PDB file of N, CA and C in Angstrom:
ATOM      1  N   MET A   1    -238.745  78.062 -36.425  1.00  0.00           N
ATOM      2  CA  MET A   1    -237.817  79.153 -36.643  1.00  0.00           C
ATOM      3  C   MET A   1    -237.307  79.027 -38.063  1.00  0.00           C
ATOM      4  N   ASP A   2    -237.336  80.142 -38.808  1.00  0.00           N
ATOM      5  CA  ASP A   2    -236.866  80.115 -40.178  1.00  0.00           C
ATOM      6  C   ASP A   2    -236.370  81.497 -40.580  1.00  0.00           C
ATOM      7  N   PHE A   3    -235.546  81.508 -41.588  1.00  0.00           N
ATOM      8  CA  PHE A   3    -235.016  82.745 -42.143  1.00  0.00           C
ATOM      9  C   PHE A   3    -235.607  82.976 -43.523  1.00  0.00           C
ATOM     10  N   MET A   4    -235.828  84.243 -43.841  1.00  0.00           N
ATOM     11  CA  MET A   4    -236.241  84.651 -45.178  1.00  0.00           C
ATOM     12  C   MET A   4    -235.327  85.792 -45.578  1.00  0.00           C
ATOM     13  N   SER A   5    -235.242  86.040 -46.866  1.00  0.00           N
ATOM     14  CA  SER A   5    -234.445  87.182 -47.316  1.00  0.00           C
ATOM     15  C   SER A   5    -235.154  87.869 -48.474  1.00  0.00           C
ATOM     16  N   ASP A   6    -234.797  89.115 -48.680  1.00  0.00           N
ATOM     17  CA  ASP A   6    -235.357  89.902 -49.767  1.00  0.00           C
ATOM     18  C   ASP A   6    -234.326  90.963 -50.126  1.00  0.00           C
ATOM     19  N   GLN A   7    -234.674  91.772 -51.095  1.00  0.00           N
ATOM     20  CA  GLN A   7    -233.742  92.777 -51.579  1.00  0.00           C
ATOM     21  C   GLN A   7    -234.458  94.107 -51.724  1.00  0.00           C
ATOM     22  N   LEU A   8    -233.771  95.170 -51.291  1.00  0.00           N
ATOM     23  CA  LEU A   8    -234.305  96.510 -51.440  1.00  0.00           C
ATOM     24  C   LEU A   8    -234.139  96.974 -52.886  1.00  0.00           C
ATOM     25  N   GLU A   9    -234.800  98.047 -53.246  1.00  0.00           N
ATOM     26  CA  GLU A   9    -234.722  98.574 -54.595  1.00  0.00           C
ATOM     27  C   GLU A   9    -233.285  98.934 -54.993  1.00  0.00           C
ATOM     28  N   ASP A  10    -232.483  99.366 -54.000  1.00  0.00           N
ATOM     29  CA  ASP A  10    -231.097  99.744 -54.295  1.00  0.00           C
ATOM     30  C   ASP A  10    -230.153  98.538 -54.346  1.00  0.00           C
ATOM     31  N   GLY A  11    -230.697  97.324 -54.205  1.00  0.00           N
ATOM     32  CA  GLY A  11    -229.888  96.114 -54.334  1.00  0.00           C
ATOM     33  C   GLY A  11    -229.392  95.518 -53.028  1.00  0.00           C
ATOM     34  N   ARG A  12    -229.531  96.266 -51.934  1.00  0.00           N
ATOM     35  CA  ARG A  12    -229.083  95.710 -50.646  1.00  0.00           C
ATOM     36  C   ARG A  12    -230.033  94.608 -50.197  1.00  0.00           C
ATOM     37  N   ARG A  13    -229.442  93.494 -49.752  1.00  0.00           N
ATOM     38  CA  ARG A  13    -230.229  92.360 -49.278  1.00  0.00           C
ATOM     39  C   ARG A  13    -230.425  92.454 -47.766  1.00  0.00           C
ATOM     40  N   PHE A  14    -231.569  92.007 -47.304  1.00  0.00           N
ATOM     41  CA  PHE A  14    -231.818  91.953 -45.872  1.00  0.00           C
ATOM     42  C   PHE A  14    -232.432  90.602 -45.533  1.00  0.00           C
ATOM     43  N   ARG A  15    -232.344  90.250 -44.258  1.00  0.00           N
ATOM     44  CA  ARG A  15    -232.840  88.954 -43.788  1.00  0.00           C
ATOM     45  C   ARG A  15    -233.867  89.159 -42.690  1.00  0.00           C
ATOM     46  N   MET A  16    -234.739  88.161 -42.556  1.00  0.00           N
ATOM     47  CA  MET A  16    -235.751  88.163 -41.509  1.00  0.00           C
ATOM     48  C   MET A  16    -235.691  86.826 -40.784  1.00  0.00           C
ATOM     49  N   LEU A  17    -235.649  86.883 -39.472  1.00  0.00           N
ATOM     50  CA  LEU A  17    -235.757  85.699 -38.635  1.00  0.00           C
ATOM     51  C   LEU A  17    -237.194  85.652 -38.138  1.00  0.00           C
ATOM     52  N   ASN A  18    -237.894  84.570 -38.444  1.00  0.00           N
ATOM     53  CA  ASN A  18    -239.288  84.398 -38.041  1.00  0.00           C
ATOM     54  C   ASN A  18    -239.373  83.262 -37.038  1.00  0.00           C
ATOM     55  N   ILE A  19    -239.979  83.523 -35.903  1.00  0.00           N
ATOM     56  CA  ILE A  19    -240.182  82.495 -34.883  1.00  0.00           C
ATOM     57  C   ILE A  19    -241.690  82.319 -34.726  1.00  0.00           C
ATOM     58  N   LEU A  20    -242.163  81.122 -35.063  1.00  0.00           N
ATOM     59  CA  LEU A  20    -243.593  80.818 -35.039  1.00  0.00           C
ATOM     60  C   LEU A  20    -243.862  79.628 -34.141  1.00  0.00           C
ATOM     61  N   VAL A  21    -245.082  79.569 -33.615  1.00  0.00           N
ATOM     62  CA  VAL A  21    -245.551  78.398 -32.876  1.00  0.00           C
ATOM     63  C   VAL A  21    -246.112  77.434 -33.918  1.00  0.00           C
ATOM     64  N   ASP A  22    -245.604  76.191 -33.943  1.00  0.00           N
ATOM     65  CA  ASP A  22    -246.093  75.207 -34.913  1.00  0.00           C
ATOM     66  C   ASP A  22    -247.580  74.934 -34.772  1.00  0.00           C
ATOM     67  N   PHE A  23    -248.074  74.856 -33.554  1.00  0.00           N
ATOM     68  CA  PHE A  23    -249.452  74.439 -33.298  1.00  0.00           C
ATOM     69  C   PHE A  23    -250.480  75.382 -33.921  1.00  0.00           C
ATOM     70  N   ASN A  24    -250.312  76.691 -33.693  1.00  0.00           N
ATOM     71  CA  ASN A  24    -251.331  77.634 -34.160  1.00  0.00           C
ATOM     72  C   ASN A  24    -250.776  78.702 -35.112  1.00  0.00           C
ATOM     73  N   ARG A  25    -249.496  78.562 -35.489  1.00  0.00           N
ATOM     74  CA  ARG A  25    -248.825  79.486 -36.426  1.00  0.00           C
ATOM     75  C   ARG A  25    -248.750  80.915 -35.887  1.00  0.00           C
ATOM     76  N   GLU A  26    -248.821  81.071 -34.565  1.00  0.00           N
ATOM     77  CA  GLU A  26    -248.684  82.392 -33.949  1.00  0.00           C
ATOM     78  C   GLU A  26    -247.264  82.893 -34.136  1.00  0.00           C
ATOM     79  N   GLY A  27    -247.138  84.134 -34.577  1.00  0.00           N
ATOM     80  CA  GLY A  27    -245.822  84.741 -34.739  1.00  0.00           C
ATOM     81  C   GLY A  27    -245.330  85.301 -33.411  1.00  0.00           C
ATOM     82  N   LEU A  28    -244.233  84.756 -32.909  1.00  0.00           N
ATOM     83  CA  LEU A  28    -243.685  85.216 -31.630  1.00  0.00           C
ATOM     84  C   LEU A  28    -242.639  86.296 -31.810  1.00  0.00           C
ATOM     85  N   ALA A  29    -241.919  86.261 -32.935  1.00  0.00           N
ATOM     86  CA  ALA A  29    -240.889  87.276 -33.170  1.00  0.00           C
ATOM     87  C   ALA A  29    -240.547  87.332 -34.646  1.00  0.00           C
ATOM     88  N   ILE A  30    -240.281  88.536 -35.112  1.00  0.00           N
ATOM     89  CA  ILE A  30    -239.717  88.756 -36.442  1.00  0.00           C
ATOM     90  C   ILE A  30    -238.582  89.746 -36.244  1.00  0.00           C
ATOM     91  N   GLU A  31    -237.382  89.326 -36.556  1.00  0.00           N
ATOM     92  CA  GLU A  31    -236.189  90.176 -36.427  1.00  0.00           C
ATOM     93  C   GLU A  31    -235.692  90.457 -37.837  1.00  0.00           C
ATOM     94  N   VAL A  32    -235.534  91.725 -38.193  1.00  0.00           N
ATOM     95  CA  VAL A  32    -235.158  92.113 -39.549  1.00  0.00           C
ATOM     96  C   VAL A  32    -233.893  92.955 -39.498  1.00  0.00           C
ATOM     97  N   ASP A  33    -232.922  92.607 -40.353  1.00  0.00           N
ATOM     98  CA  ASP A  33    -231.690  93.401 -40.441  1.00  0.00           C
ATOM     99  C   ASP A  33    -230.894  92.938 -41.658  1.00  0.00           C
ATOM    100  N   PHE A  34    -229.831  93.654 -41.941  1.00  0.00           N
ATOM    101  CA  PHE A  34    -228.964  93.272 -43.054  1.00  0.00           C
ATOM    102  C   PHE A  34    -228.101  92.068 -42.698  1.00  0.00           C
ATOM    103  N   SER A  35    -227.905  91.842 -41.410  1.00  0.00           N
ATOM    104  CA  SER A  35    -227.130  90.703 -40.939  1.00  0.00           C
ATOM    105  C   SER A  35    -227.749  90.204 -39.635  1.00  0.00           C
ATOM    106  N   LEU A  36    -227.893  88.894 -39.530  1.00  0.00           N
ATOM    107  CA  LEU A  36    -228.442  88.306 -38.302  1.00  0.00           C
ATOM    108  C   LEU A  36    -227.496  87.206 -37.826  1.00  0.00           C
ATOM    109  N   PRO A  37    -226.417  87.601 -37.155  1.00  0.00           N
ATOM    110  CA  PRO A  37    -225.459  86.602 -36.669  1.00  0.00           C
ATOM    111  C   PRO A  37    -226.045  85.736 -35.563  1.00  0.00           C
ATOM    112  N   ALA A  38    -225.394  84.632 -35.290  1.00  0.00           N
ATOM    113  CA  ALA A  38    -225.884  83.648 -34.323  1.00  0.00           C
ATOM    114  C   ALA A  38    -226.138  84.256 -32.946  1.00  0.00           C
ATOM    115  N   LEU A  39    -225.287  85.165 -32.493  1.00  0.00           N
ATOM    116  CA  LEU A  39    -225.502  85.781 -31.177  1.00  0.00           C
ATOM    117  C   LEU A  39    -226.811  86.557 -31.132  1.00  0.00           C
ATOM    118  N   ARG A  40    -227.160  87.179 -32.220  1.00  0.00           N
ATOM    119  CA  ARG A  40    -228.422  87.925 -32.272  1.00  0.00           C
ATOM    120  C   ARG A  40    -229.604  86.969 -32.278  1.00  0.00           C
ATOM    121  N   VAL A  41    -229.478  85.863 -32.991  1.00  0.00           N
ATOM    122  CA  VAL A  41    -230.531  84.843 -33.002  1.00  0.00           C
ATOM    123  C   VAL A  41    -230.760  84.318 -31.590  1.00  0.00           C
ATOM    124  N   VAL A  42    -229.677  84.026 -30.887  1.00  0.00           N
ATOM    125  CA  VAL A  42    -229.775  83.532 -29.513  1.00  0.00           C
ATOM    126  C   VAL A  42    -230.430  84.585 -28.620  1.00  0.00           C
ATOM    127  N   ARG A  43    -230.087  85.848 -28.806  1.00  0.00           N
ATOM    128  CA  ARG A  43    -230.686  86.917 -28.002  1.00  0.00           C
ATOM    129  C   ARG A  43    -232.200  86.980 -28.213  1.00  0.00           C
ATOM    130  N   VAL A  44    -232.644  86.852 -29.462  1.00  0.00           N
ATOM    131  CA  VAL A  44    -234.082  86.867 -29.748  1.00  0.00           C
ATOM    132  C   VAL A  44    -234.758  85.648 -29.132  1.00  0.00           C
ATOM    133  N   LEU A  45    -234.136  84.468 -29.259  1.00  0.00           N
ATOM    134  CA  LEU A  45    -234.695  83.262 -28.656  1.00  0.00           C
ATOM    135  C   LEU A  45    -234.791  83.391 -27.133  1.00  0.00           C
ATOM    136  N   GLN A  46    -233.784  84.003 -26.525  1.00  0.00           N
ATOM    137  CA  GLN A  46    -233.795  84.211 -25.072  1.00  0.00           C
ATOM    138  C   GLN A  46    -234.938  85.146 -24.671  1.00  0.00           C
ATOM    139  N   GLN A  47    -235.135  86.208 -25.441  1.00  0.00           N
ATOM    140  CA  GLN A  47    -236.225  87.146 -25.147  1.00  0.00           C
ATOM    141  C   GLN A  47    -237.583  86.465 -25.264  1.00  0.00           C
ATOM    142  N   VAL A  48    -237.770  85.672 -26.315  1.00  0.00           N
ATOM    143  CA  VAL A  48    -239.033  84.960 -26.499  1.00  0.00           C
ATOM    144  C   VAL A  48    -239.236  83.961 -25.362  1.00  0.00           C
ATOM    145  N   SER A  49    -238.162  83.279 -24.952  1.00  0.00           N
ATOM    146  CA  SER A  49    -238.253  82.306 -23.854  1.00  0.00           C
ATOM    147  C   SER A  49    -238.645  82.975 -22.546  1.00  0.00           C
ATOM    148  N   GLU A  50    -238.113  84.164 -22.297  1.00  0.00           N
ATOM    149  CA  GLU A  50    -238.458  84.888 -21.074  1.00  0.00           C
ATOM    150  C   GLU A  50    -239.904  85.363 -21.103  1.00  0.00           C
ATOM    151  N   TRP A  51    -240.392  85.686 -22.267  1.00  0.00           N
ATOM    152  CA  TRP A  51    -241.748  86.198 -22.428  1.00  0.00           C
ATOM    153  C   TRP A  51    -242.793  85.080 -22.428  1.00  0.00           C
ATOM    154  N   ARG A  52    -242.522  83.986 -23.157  1.00  0.00           N
ATOM    155  CA  ARG A  52    -243.502  82.923 -23.342  1.00  0.00           C
ATOM    156  C   ARG A  52    -243.155  81.601 -22.668  1.00  0.00           C
ATOM    157  N   GLY A  53    -241.970  81.514 -22.109  1.00  0.00           N
ATOM    158  CA  GLY A  53    -241.517  80.256 -21.529  1.00  0.00           C
ATOM    159  C   GLY A  53    -240.667  79.486 -22.527  1.00  0.00           C
ATOM    160  N   LYS A  54    -239.818  78.610 -21.987  1.00  0.00           N
ATOM    161  CA  LYS A  54    -238.915  77.837 -22.831  1.00  0.00           C
ATOM    162  C   LYS A  54    -239.669  76.770 -23.614  1.00  0.00           C
ATOM    163  N   PRO A  55    -239.383  76.652 -24.899  1.00  0.00           N
ATOM    164  CA  PRO A  55    -239.991  75.557 -25.664  1.00  0.00           C
ATOM    165  C   PRO A  55    -239.271  74.244 -25.368  1.00  0.00           C
ATOM    166  N   LYS A  56    -239.955  73.146 -25.604  1.00  0.00           N
ATOM    167  CA  LYS A  56    -239.295  71.842 -25.469  1.00  0.00           C
ATOM    168  C   LYS A  56    -238.425  71.565 -26.681  1.00  0.00           C
ATOM    169  N   THR A  57    -238.898  72.001 -27.852  1.00  0.00           N
ATOM    170  CA  THR A  57    -238.155  71.787 -29.092  1.00  0.00           C
ATOM    171  C   THR A  57    -238.239  73.025 -29.971  1.00  0.00           C
ATOM    172  N   ILE A  58    -237.254  73.155 -30.848  1.00  0.00           N
ATOM    173  CA  ILE A  58    -237.257  74.195 -31.879  1.00  0.00           C
ATOM    174  C   ILE A  58    -237.026  73.478 -33.198  1.00  0.00           C
ATOM    175  N   ARG A  59    -237.959  73.650 -34.142  1.00  0.00           N
ATOM    176  CA  ARG A  59    -237.834  73.008 -35.444  1.00  0.00           C
ATOM    177  C   ARG A  59    -237.198  73.991 -36.420  1.00  0.00           C
ATOM    178  N   VAL A  60    -236.151  73.535 -37.106  1.00  0.00           N
ATOM    179  CA  VAL A  60    -235.403  74.378 -38.039  1.00  0.00           C
ATOM    180  C   VAL A  60    -235.072  73.577 -39.289  1.00  0.00           C
ATOM    181  N   ASP A  61    -234.674  74.295 -40.347  1.00  0.00           N
ATOM    182  CA  ASP A  61    -234.180  73.598 -41.528  1.00  0.00           C
ATOM    183  C   ASP A  61    -232.701  73.276 -41.326  1.00  0.00           C
ATOM    184  N   ASN A  62    -232.048  72.826 -42.363  1.00  0.00           N
ATOM    185  CA  ASN A  62    -230.652  72.400 -42.241  1.00  0.00           C
ATOM    186  C   ASN A  62    -229.662  73.474 -42.685  1.00  0.00           C
ATOM    187  N   GLY A  63    -230.084  74.725 -42.666  1.00  0.00           N
ATOM    188  CA  GLY A  63    -229.214  75.817 -43.089  1.00  0.00           C
ATOM    189  C   GLY A  63    -228.053  76.041 -42.133  1.00  0.00           C
ATOM    190  N   PRO A  64    -226.998  76.689 -42.623  1.00  0.00           N
ATOM    191  CA  PRO A  64    -225.800  76.889 -41.807  1.00  0.00           C
ATOM    192  C   PRO A  64    -226.050  77.700 -40.541  1.00  0.00           C
ATOM    193  N   GLU A  65    -227.032  78.609 -40.569  1.00  0.00           N
ATOM    194  CA  GLU A  65    -227.309  79.401 -39.372  1.00  0.00           C
ATOM    195  C   GLU A  65    -227.939  78.563 -38.265  1.00  0.00           C
ATOM    196  N   ASN A  66    -228.476  77.402 -38.627  1.00  0.00           N
ATOM    197  CA  ASN A  66    -229.138  76.552 -37.643  1.00  0.00           C
ATOM    198  C   ASN A  66    -228.250  75.445 -37.094  1.00  0.00           C
ATOM    199  N   VAL A  67    -227.017  75.424 -37.520  1.00  0.00           N
ATOM    200  CA  VAL A  67    -226.075  74.434 -36.981  1.00  0.00           C
ATOM    201  C   VAL A  67    -224.849  75.135 -36.389  1.00  0.00           C
ATOM    202  N   SER A  68    -224.963  76.432 -36.143  1.00  0.00           N
ATOM    203  CA  SER A  68    -223.841  77.178 -35.581  1.00  0.00           C
ATOM    204  C   SER A  68    -223.569  76.713 -34.154  1.00  0.00           C
ATOM    205  N   GLU A  69    -222.327  76.746 -33.773  1.00  0.00           N
ATOM    206  CA  GLU A  69    -221.927  76.334 -32.425  1.00  0.00           C
ATOM    207  C   GLU A  69    -222.583  77.210 -31.367  1.00  0.00           C
ATOM    208  N   THR A  70    -222.753  78.487 -31.662  1.00  0.00           N
ATOM    209  CA  THR A  70    -223.381  79.414 -30.715  1.00  0.00           C
ATOM    210  C   THR A  70    -224.815  78.991 -30.413  1.00  0.00           C
ATOM    211  N   LEU A  71    -225.597  78.712 -31.449  1.00  0.00           N
ATOM    212  CA  LEU A  71    -226.982  78.297 -31.261  1.00  0.00           C
ATOM    213  C   LEU A  71    -227.062  76.935 -30.590  1.00  0.00           C
ATOM    214  N   LEU A  72    -226.281  75.973 -31.063  1.00  0.00           N
ATOM    215  CA  LEU A  72    -226.331  74.630 -30.498  1.00  0.00           C
ATOM    216  C   LEU A  72    -225.916  74.620 -29.032  1.00  0.00           C
ATOM    217  N   SER A  73    -224.938  75.440 -28.680  1.00  0.00           N
ATOM    218  CA  SER A  73    -224.504  75.542 -27.285  1.00  0.00           C
ATOM    219  C   SER A  73    -225.615  76.127 -26.420  1.00  0.00           C
ATOM    220  N   TRP A  74    -226.286  77.170 -26.921  1.00  0.00           N
ATOM    221  CA  TRP A  74    -227.355  77.807 -26.147  1.00  0.00           C
ATOM    222  C   TRP A  74    -228.511  76.841 -25.907  1.00  0.00           C
ATOM    223  N   VAL A  75    -228.964  76.135 -26.958  1.00  0.00           N
ATOM    224  CA  VAL A  75    -230.099  75.226 -26.768  1.00  0.00           C
ATOM    225  C   VAL A  75    -229.740  74.079 -25.832  1.00  0.00           C
ATOM    226  N   GLU A  76    -228.493  73.628 -25.889  1.00  0.00           N
ATOM    227  CA  GLU A  76    -228.064  72.561 -24.978  1.00  0.00           C
ATOM    228  C   GLU A  76    -228.116  73.036 -23.529  1.00  0.00           C
ATOM    229  N   LYS A  77    -227.615  74.247 -23.275  1.00  0.00           N
ATOM    230  CA  LYS A  77    -227.645  74.801 -21.912  1.00  0.00           C
ATOM    231  C   LYS A  77    -229.071  75.008 -21.417  1.00  0.00           C
ATOM    232  N   GLN A  78    -229.987  75.293 -22.337  1.00  0.00           N
ATOM    233  CA  GLN A  78    -231.382  75.539 -21.974  1.00  0.00           C
ATOM    234  C   GLN A  78    -232.190  74.252 -21.867  1.00  0.00           C
ATOM    235  N   GLY A  79    -231.617  73.134 -22.320  1.00  0.00           N
ATOM    236  CA  GLY A  79    -232.351  71.873 -22.312  1.00  0.00           C
ATOM    237  C   GLY A  79    -233.409  71.797 -23.397  1.00  0.00           C
ATOM    238  N   ILE A  80    -233.170  72.494 -24.494  1.00  0.00           N
ATOM    239  CA  ILE A  80    -234.102  72.529 -25.615  1.00  0.00           C
ATOM    240  C   ILE A  80    -233.565  71.611 -26.714  1.00  0.00           C
ATOM    241  N   GLU A  81    -234.458  70.866 -27.333  1.00  0.00           N
ATOM    242  CA  GLU A  81    -234.055  69.966 -28.417  1.00  0.00           C
ATOM    243  C   GLU A  81    -234.223  70.678 -29.759  1.00  0.00           C
ATOM    244  N   ILE A  82    -233.235  70.525 -30.633  1.00  0.00           N
ATOM    245  CA  ILE A  82    -233.327  71.048 -31.995  1.00  0.00           C
ATOM    246  C   ILE A  82    -233.811  69.919 -32.894  1.00  0.00           C
ATOM    247  N   LEU A  83    -234.885  70.155 -33.628  1.00  0.00           N
ATOM    248  CA  LEU A  83    -235.390  69.190 -34.598  1.00  0.00           C
ATOM    249  C   LEU A  83    -235.142  69.745 -35.994  1.00  0.00           C
ATOM    250  N   HIS A  84    -234.282  69.096 -36.755  1.00  0.00           N
ATOM    251  CA  HIS A  84    -234.034  69.512 -38.137  1.00  0.00           C
ATOM    252  C   HIS A  84    -235.057  68.836 -39.039  1.00  0.00           C
ATOM    253  N   ILE A  85    -235.644  69.609 -39.963  1.00  0.00           N
ATOM    254  CA  ILE A  85    -236.607  69.023 -40.888  1.00  0.00           C
ATOM    255  C   ILE A  85    -235.886  68.088 -41.836  1.00  0.00           C
ATOM    256  N   GLN A  86    -236.631  67.202 -42.448  1.00  0.00           N
ATOM    257  CA  GLN A  86    -236.061  66.257 -43.401  1.00  0.00           C
ATOM    258  C   GLN A  86    -235.546  67.026 -44.620  1.00  0.00           C
ATOM    259  N   PRO A  87    -234.286  66.772 -45.045  1.00  0.00           N
ATOM    260  CA  PRO A  87    -233.760  67.479 -46.225  1.00  0.00           C
ATOM    261  C   PRO A  87    -234.692  67.302 -47.429  1.00  0.00           C
ATOM    262  N   GLY A  88    -234.881  68.385 -48.156  1.00  0.00           N
ATOM    263  CA  GLY A  88    -235.738  68.346 -49.339  1.00  0.00           C
ATOM    264  C   GLY A  88    -237.205  68.515 -49.033  1.00  0.00           C
ATOM    265  N   LYS A  89    -237.566  68.742 -47.772  1.00  0.00           N
ATOM    266  CA  LYS A  89    -238.968  68.918 -47.366  1.00  0.00           C
ATOM    267  C   LYS A  89    -239.114  70.272 -46.674  1.00  0.00           C
ATOM    268  N   PRO A  90    -239.112  71.387 -47.411  1.00  0.00           N
ATOM    269  CA  PRO A  90    -239.117  72.711 -46.782  1.00  0.00           C
ATOM    270  C   PRO A  90    -240.366  73.015 -45.971  1.00  0.00           C
ATOM    271  N   ALA A  91    -241.488  72.348 -46.266  1.00  0.00           N
ATOM    272  CA  ALA A  91    -242.715  72.617 -45.505  1.00  0.00           C
ATOM    273  C   ALA A  91    -243.346  71.290 -45.087  1.00  0.00           C
ATOM    274  N   PRO A  92    -242.738  70.609 -44.110  1.00  0.00           N
ATOM    275  CA  PRO A  92    -243.284  69.307 -43.727  1.00  0.00           C
ATOM    276  C   PRO A  92    -244.662  69.440 -43.088  1.00  0.00           C
ATOM    277  N   ASN A  93    -245.496  68.478 -43.376  1.00  0.00           N
ATOM    278  CA  ASN A  93    -246.837  68.448 -42.799  1.00  0.00           C
ATOM    279  C   ASN A  93    -246.718  67.989 -41.353  1.00  0.00           C
ATOM    280  N   GLY A  94    -247.314  68.722 -40.447  1.00  0.00           N
ATOM    281  CA  GLY A  94    -247.241  68.378 -39.027  1.00  0.00           C
ATOM    282  C   GLY A  94    -247.897  67.041 -38.699  1.00  0.00           C
ATOM    283  N   LEU A  95    -248.720  66.521 -39.615  1.00  0.00           N
ATOM    284  CA  LEU A  95    -249.402  65.255 -39.374  1.00  0.00           C
ATOM    285  C   LEU A  95    -248.647  64.081 -39.969  1.00  0.00           C
ATOM    286  N   ALA A  96    -247.654  64.338 -40.783  1.00  0.00           N
ATOM    287  CA  ALA A  96    -246.914  63.249 -41.454  1.00  0.00           C
ATOM    288  C   ALA A  96    -245.852  62.672 -40.562  1.00  0.00           C
TER     289      ALA A  96
END
């Protein structure tokens, strides 16, 4: 799970939440909007879980959106482990 951002020609910034399967890089969800609060992230994760089944772990970076109380509470209730990548390693090798 990761966030990306970009900017429209008129200067407005937007964000994208991307949920991928680590094993085969399959895209499970892309949520795009000007704001993606934690409740919306949880809603997308819940929808993906209902569609594909609950993951055992979710790998995220150390950004503030990935340490929100809303997200951490939801994953705890679901029995899902959050794995934070090593700081300074934005694209860790799955074999390392």
